[in-house]
Amino acid sequence: MQTVVHILSGDEAEQQTGLAIARNLLEDETDRIDDVAIVVQAEGIATVRTDGDTVDDVEALLEDGVEVSACSNTLEMMDLEESDLLEGVETVPEGAVEVTRLQDEGYAYLRP
């Protein structure tokens, strides 16, 4: 199984919940989870910023093979640069399109 976690909110509790969901999926002992992805957009972009509160959690997920993507449209709207994002976070043109693409590839959708 494959799962995408979609983080849109600026609420820190929701961001932490999204990251915890990803961690729990990785630690599933049934070995039924093959891939975990996270897509951030809108206010959820704070989750992957270099100056954010979730740096350690995101870096650990990246190290464990989670694909983390950030919406380029959001970066532009918020006047941010790719350099404002943690190393290893990929940018995609549109977060919603990326989520849709992943769902089309069979990823289950979760949103905290």
N, C-alpha and C. Protein backbone atom coordinates (compact mmCIF):
# COMPACT_ATOMS: atom_id res chain seq x y z
N MET A 1 0.83 -1.18 0.00
CA MET A 1 0.00 0.00 0.00
C MET A 1 0.88 1.24 0.00
N GLN A 2 0.32 2.30 -0.54
CA GLN A 2 1.01 3.57 -0.60
C GLN A 2 0.07 4.64 -0.03
N THR A 3 0.63 5.60 0.67
CA THR A 3 -0.20 6.63 1.30
C THR A 3 0.44 8.00 1.12
N VAL A 4 -0.39 8.99 0.82
CA VAL A 4 0.05 10.38 0.79
C VAL A 4 -0.66 11.14 1.91
N VAL A 5 0.13 11.87 2.68
CA VAL A 5 -0.39 12.72 3.76
C VAL A 5 -0.34 14.15 3.23
N HIS A 6 -1.49 14.82 3.25
CA HIS A 6 -1.63 16.16 2.68
C HIS A 6 -1.73 17.16 3.83
N ILE A 7 -0.74 18.04 3.95
CA ILE A 7 -0.72 19.02 5.05
C ILE A 7 -0.96 20.40 4.46
N LEU A 8 -2.09 20.98 4.84
CA LEU A 8 -2.51 22.29 4.33
C LEU A 8 -2.55 23.37 5.40
N SER A 9 -2.70 22.98 6.62
CA SER A 9 -2.99 23.90 7.71
C SER A 9 -1.74 24.54 8.31
N GLY A 10 -1.90 25.76 8.77
CA GLY A 10 -0.85 26.43 9.52
C GLY A 10 -0.89 26.06 10.99
N ASP A 11 -1.89 25.31 11.39
CA ASP A 11 -2.03 24.88 12.78
C ASP A 11 -0.93 23.88 13.13
N GLU A 12 -0.10 24.22 14.10
CA GLU A 12 1.03 23.36 14.47
C GLU A 12 0.60 21.97 14.90
N ALA A 13 -0.54 21.87 15.58
CA ALA A 13 -1.02 20.56 16.03
C ALA A 13 -1.37 19.69 14.82
N GLU A 14 -1.99 20.28 13.80
CA GLU A 14 -2.32 19.51 12.60
C GLU A 14 -1.06 19.11 11.84
N GLN A 15 -0.08 20.00 11.81
CA GLN A 15 1.18 19.66 11.15
C GLN A 15 1.86 18.51 11.87
N GLN A 16 1.92 18.57 13.19
CA GLN A 16 2.51 17.49 13.98
C GLN A 16 1.75 16.19 13.79
N THR A 17 0.42 16.28 13.71
CA THR A 17 -0.39 15.09 13.50
C THR A 17 -0.07 14.46 12.15
N GLY A 18 0.06 15.29 11.11
CA GLY A 18 0.40 14.77 9.78
C GLY A 18 1.74 14.05 9.78
N LEU A 19 2.72 14.64 10.45
CA LEU A 19 4.03 14.00 10.54
C LEU A 19 3.97 12.72 11.37
N ALA A 20 3.18 12.72 12.42
CA ALA A 20 3.02 11.52 13.25
C ALA A 20 2.34 10.41 12.46
N ILE A 21 1.37 10.76 11.63
CA ILE A 21 0.71 9.76 10.79
C ILE A 21 1.75 9.11 9.86
N ALA A 22 2.57 9.95 9.24
CA ALA A 22 3.61 9.41 8.35
C ALA A 22 4.55 8.49 9.12
N ARG A 23 4.96 8.89 10.30
CA ARG A 23 5.86 8.07 11.12
C ARG A 23 5.18 6.74 11.47
N ASN A 24 3.92 6.80 11.88
CA ASN A 24 3.19 5.58 12.24
C ASN A 24 3.07 4.63 11.06
N LEU A 25 2.85 5.17 9.87
CA LEU A 25 2.77 4.33 8.69
C LEU A 25 4.10 3.63 8.44
N LEU A 26 5.20 4.37 8.60
CA LEU A 26 6.52 3.77 8.40
C LEU A 26 6.80 2.67 9.41
N GLU A 27 6.29 2.82 10.61
CA GLU A 27 6.56 1.87 11.68
C GLU A 27 5.56 0.72 11.75
N ASP A 28 4.63 0.67 10.79
CA ASP A 28 3.65 -0.39 10.75
C ASP A 28 4.36 -1.74 10.65
N GLU A 29 4.04 -2.65 11.53
CA GLU A 29 4.74 -3.92 11.60
C GLU A 29 4.15 -5.00 10.71
N THR A 30 3.06 -4.68 10.00
CA THR A 30 2.48 -5.68 9.10
C THR A 30 3.20 -5.73 7.77
N ASP A 31 4.10 -4.78 7.53
CA ASP A 31 4.84 -4.69 6.27
C ASP A 31 3.91 -4.51 5.07
N ARG A 32 2.77 -3.90 5.29
CA ARG A 32 1.82 -3.68 4.20
C ARG A 32 2.00 -2.31 3.57
N ILE A 33 2.75 -1.42 4.21
CA ILE A 33 2.96 -0.08 3.69
C ILE A 33 4.26 -0.07 2.89
N ASP A 34 4.14 0.26 1.60
CA ASP A 34 5.31 0.28 0.73
C ASP A 34 5.92 1.68 0.63
N ASP A 35 5.10 2.68 0.45
CA ASP A 35 5.59 4.05 0.26
C ASP A 35 4.73 5.03 1.02
N VAL A 36 5.40 6.05 1.56
CA VAL A 36 4.71 7.15 2.24
C VAL A 36 5.22 8.44 1.62
N ALA A 37 4.29 9.32 1.28
CA ALA A 37 4.63 10.63 0.73
C ALA A 37 3.90 11.70 1.54
N ILE A 38 4.50 12.87 1.59
CA ILE A 38 3.87 14.03 2.23
C ILE A 38 3.87 15.15 1.20
N VAL A 39 2.72 15.80 1.05
CA VAL A 39 2.62 16.98 0.19
C VAL A 39 2.15 18.13 1.08
N VAL A 40 2.92 19.23 1.05
CA VAL A 40 2.54 20.41 1.82
C VAL A 40 2.22 21.55 0.87
N GLN A 41 1.21 22.33 1.25
CA GLN A 41 0.86 23.52 0.49
C GLN A 41 0.13 24.49 1.40
N ALA A 42 -0.14 25.68 0.89
CA ALA A 42 -0.79 26.74 1.65
C ALA A 42 -0.02 26.95 2.97
N GLU A 43 -0.72 27.17 4.06
CA GLU A 43 -0.07 27.43 5.34
C GLU A 43 0.72 26.23 5.86
N GLY A 44 0.43 25.05 5.31
CA GLY A 44 1.16 23.85 5.70
C GLY A 44 2.62 23.86 5.28
N ILE A 45 2.99 24.81 4.42
CA ILE A 45 4.38 24.94 3.98
C ILE A 45 5.33 25.15 5.16
N ALA A 46 4.79 25.71 6.25
CA ALA A 46 5.61 25.95 7.46
C ALA A 46 6.21 24.65 7.98
N THR A 47 5.57 23.54 7.68
CA THR A 47 6.04 22.24 8.15
C THR A 47 7.44 21.92 7.64
N VAL A 48 7.79 22.41 6.45
CA VAL A 48 9.06 22.03 5.83
C VAL A 48 10.04 23.20 5.69
N ARG A 49 9.76 24.28 6.40
CA ARG A 49 10.67 25.42 6.35
C ARG A 49 11.88 25.19 7.25
N THR A 50 13.00 25.76 6.85
CA THR A 50 14.24 25.59 7.63
C THR A 50 14.14 26.23 9.00
N ASP A 51 13.25 27.20 9.17
CA ASP A 51 13.10 27.90 10.45
C ASP A 51 11.89 27.42 11.24
N GLY A 52 11.34 26.26 10.85
CA GLY A 52 10.13 25.76 11.50
C GLY A 52 10.41 24.93 12.74
N ASP A 53 9.34 24.60 13.42
CA ASP A 53 9.42 23.80 14.65
C ASP A 53 9.49 22.29 14.38
N THR A 54 9.31 21.90 13.13
CA THR A 54 9.23 20.47 12.81
C THR A 54 10.46 19.96 12.06
N VAL A 55 11.54 20.73 12.08
CA VAL A 55 12.75 20.39 11.32
C VAL A 55 13.22 18.98 11.62
N ASP A 56 13.39 18.63 12.87
CA ASP A 56 13.92 17.31 13.23
C ASP A 56 13.01 16.18 12.75
N ASP A 57 11.70 16.37 12.91
CA ASP A 57 10.75 15.33 12.49
C ASP A 57 10.78 15.13 10.98
N VAL A 58 10.78 16.23 10.23
CA VAL A 58 10.80 16.13 8.77
C VAL A 58 12.11 15.52 8.30
N GLU A 59 13.22 15.95 8.86
CA GLU A 59 14.51 15.39 8.46
C GLU A 59 14.57 13.89 8.72
N ALA A 60 14.02 13.45 9.84
CA ALA A 60 14.01 12.02 10.15
C ALA A 60 13.16 11.25 9.14
N LEU A 61 12.03 11.81 8.76
CA LEU A 61 11.17 11.16 7.77
C LEU A 61 11.87 11.09 6.41
N LEU A 62 12.53 12.17 6.03
CA LEU A 62 13.28 12.17 4.77
C LEU A 62 14.36 11.09 4.79
N GLU A 63 15.07 10.99 5.91
CA GLU A 63 16.11 9.97 6.05
C GLU A 63 15.56 8.56 5.93
N ASP A 64 14.30 8.40 6.36
CA ASP A 64 13.67 7.08 6.31
C ASP A 64 12.96 6.82 4.99
N GLY A 65 13.17 7.69 4.00
CA GLY A 65 12.65 7.43 2.66
C GLY A 65 11.31 8.03 2.31
N VAL A 66 10.77 8.87 3.16
CA VAL A 66 9.50 9.53 2.84
C VAL A 66 9.76 10.61 1.79
N GLU A 67 8.96 10.61 0.75
CA GLU A 67 9.04 11.63 -0.29
C GLU A 67 8.24 12.84 0.20
N VAL A 68 8.91 13.98 0.34
CA VAL A 68 8.24 15.18 0.82
C VAL A 68 8.26 16.22 -0.30
N SER A 69 7.07 16.71 -0.66
CA SER A 69 6.94 17.68 -1.74
C SER A 69 6.26 18.94 -1.24
N ALA A 70 6.72 20.08 -1.78
CA ALA A 70 6.15 21.38 -1.44
C ALA A 70 5.63 22.04 -2.71
N CYS A 71 4.53 22.74 -2.59
CA CYS A 71 3.87 23.40 -3.70
C CYS A 71 4.61 24.68 -4.11
N SER A 72 5.04 24.74 -5.36
CA SER A 72 5.73 25.93 -5.87
C SER A 72 4.82 27.15 -5.91
N ASN A 73 3.54 26.93 -6.19
CA ASN A 73 2.60 28.06 -6.18
C ASN A 73 2.55 28.71 -4.80
N THR A 74 2.58 27.88 -3.76
CA THR A 74 2.57 28.40 -2.40
C THR A 74 3.84 29.21 -2.13
N LEU A 75 4.98 28.67 -2.57
CA LEU A 75 6.23 29.41 -2.37
C LEU A 75 6.12 30.79 -3.00
N GLU A 76 5.61 30.85 -4.21
CA GLU A 76 5.48 32.12 -4.91
C GLU A 76 4.51 33.06 -4.18
N MET A 77 3.37 32.53 -3.76
CA MET A 77 2.38 33.37 -3.07
C MET A 77 2.92 33.92 -1.76
N MET A 78 3.76 33.14 -1.08
CA MET A 78 4.27 33.55 0.22
C MET A 78 5.65 34.20 0.13
N ASP A 79 6.09 34.45 -1.10
CA ASP A 79 7.38 35.10 -1.35
C ASP A 79 8.52 34.33 -0.67
N LEU A 80 8.50 33.01 -0.85
CA LEU A 80 9.53 32.14 -0.30
C LEU A 80 10.37 31.57 -1.44
N GLU A 81 11.57 31.14 -1.11
CA GLU A 81 12.47 30.52 -2.07
C GLU A 81 12.65 29.05 -1.71
N GLU A 82 13.11 28.26 -2.67
CA GLU A 82 13.39 26.85 -2.38
C GLU A 82 14.42 26.72 -1.27
N SER A 83 15.30 27.70 -1.15
CA SER A 83 16.32 27.68 -0.11
C SER A 83 15.71 27.84 1.29
N ASP A 84 14.45 28.25 1.38
CA ASP A 84 13.76 28.35 2.67
C ASP A 84 13.25 26.99 3.14
N LEU A 85 13.37 25.99 2.27
CA LEU A 85 12.88 24.65 2.58
C LEU A 85 14.02 23.75 3.02
N LEU A 86 13.67 22.75 3.80
CA LEU A 86 14.65 21.78 4.26
C LEU A 86 15.27 21.03 3.08
N GLU A 87 16.53 20.70 3.21
CA GLU A 87 17.21 19.90 2.20
C GLU A 87 16.49 18.58 2.02
N GLY A 88 16.26 18.20 0.78
CA GLY A 88 15.57 16.95 0.48
C GLY A 88 14.11 17.12 0.15
N VAL A 89 13.54 18.29 0.45
CA VAL A 89 12.15 18.56 0.10
C VAL A 89 12.13 18.97 -1.37
N GLU A 90 11.36 18.24 -2.15
CA GLU A 90 11.22 18.53 -3.57
C GLU A 90 10.09 19.54 -3.77
N THR A 91 10.19 20.33 -4.82
CA THR A 91 9.08 21.22 -5.16
C THR A 91 8.32 20.64 -6.34
N VAL A 92 7.03 20.86 -6.33
CA VAL A 92 6.15 20.46 -7.42
C VAL A 92 5.37 21.69 -7.85
N PRO A 93 4.96 21.78 -9.11
CA PRO A 93 4.27 22.98 -9.56
C PRO A 93 3.02 23.32 -8.75
N GLU A 94 2.19 22.31 -8.46
CA GLU A 94 0.95 22.54 -7.73
C GLU A 94 0.72 21.37 -6.76
N GLY A 95 0.52 21.69 -5.50
CA GLY A 95 0.32 20.65 -4.49
C GLY A 95 -0.90 19.78 -4.76
N ALA A 96 -2.01 20.41 -5.14
CA ALA A 96 -3.24 19.64 -5.39
C ALA A 96 -3.07 18.69 -6.57
N VAL A 97 -2.35 19.13 -7.59
CA VAL A 97 -2.10 18.26 -8.74
C VAL A 97 -1.22 17.09 -8.32
N GLU A 98 -0.23 17.35 -7.47
CA GLU A 98 0.64 16.27 -7.01
C GLU A 98 -0.15 15.24 -6.20
N VAL A 99 -1.03 15.70 -5.33
CA VAL A 99 -1.86 14.77 -4.56
C VAL A 99 -2.73 13.95 -5.50
N THR A 100 -3.31 14.60 -6.49
CA THR A 100 -4.16 13.90 -7.45
C THR A 100 -3.35 12.88 -8.24
N ARG A 101 -2.14 13.25 -8.66
CA ARG A 101 -1.27 12.34 -9.39
C ARG A 101 -0.96 11.10 -8.55
N LEU A 102 -0.62 11.33 -7.29
CA LEU A 102 -0.31 10.21 -6.41
C LEU A 102 -1.52 9.31 -6.20
N GLN A 103 -2.70 9.92 -6.04
CA GLN A 103 -3.90 9.11 -5.88
C GLN A 103 -4.15 8.29 -7.14
N ASP A 104 -3.90 8.86 -8.30
CA ASP A 104 -4.06 8.15 -9.56
C ASP A 104 -3.09 6.97 -9.63
N GLU A 105 -1.95 7.07 -8.97
CA GLU A 105 -0.99 5.97 -8.92
C GLU A 105 -1.30 4.96 -7.84
N GLY A 106 -2.41 5.15 -7.14
CA GLY A 106 -2.84 4.18 -6.14
C GLY A 106 -2.58 4.56 -4.69
N TYR A 107 -2.09 5.76 -4.43
CA TYR A 107 -1.84 6.21 -3.06
C TYR A 107 -3.17 6.49 -2.36
N ALA A 108 -3.30 6.03 -1.14
CA ALA A 108 -4.43 6.41 -0.30
C ALA A 108 -4.19 7.83 0.20
N TYR A 109 -5.26 8.58 0.40
CA TYR A 109 -5.17 9.98 0.81
C TYR A 109 -5.53 10.12 2.28
N LEU A 110 -4.64 10.79 3.03
CA LEU A 110 -4.92 11.10 4.43
C LEU A 110 -4.66 12.57 4.66
N ARG A 111 -5.53 13.19 5.41
CA ARG A 111 -5.33 14.60 5.77
C ARG A 111 -5.64 14.76 7.26
N PRO A 112 -4.66 15.30 7.99
CA PRO A 112 -4.90 15.48 9.44
C PRO A 112 -5.94 16.55 9.71
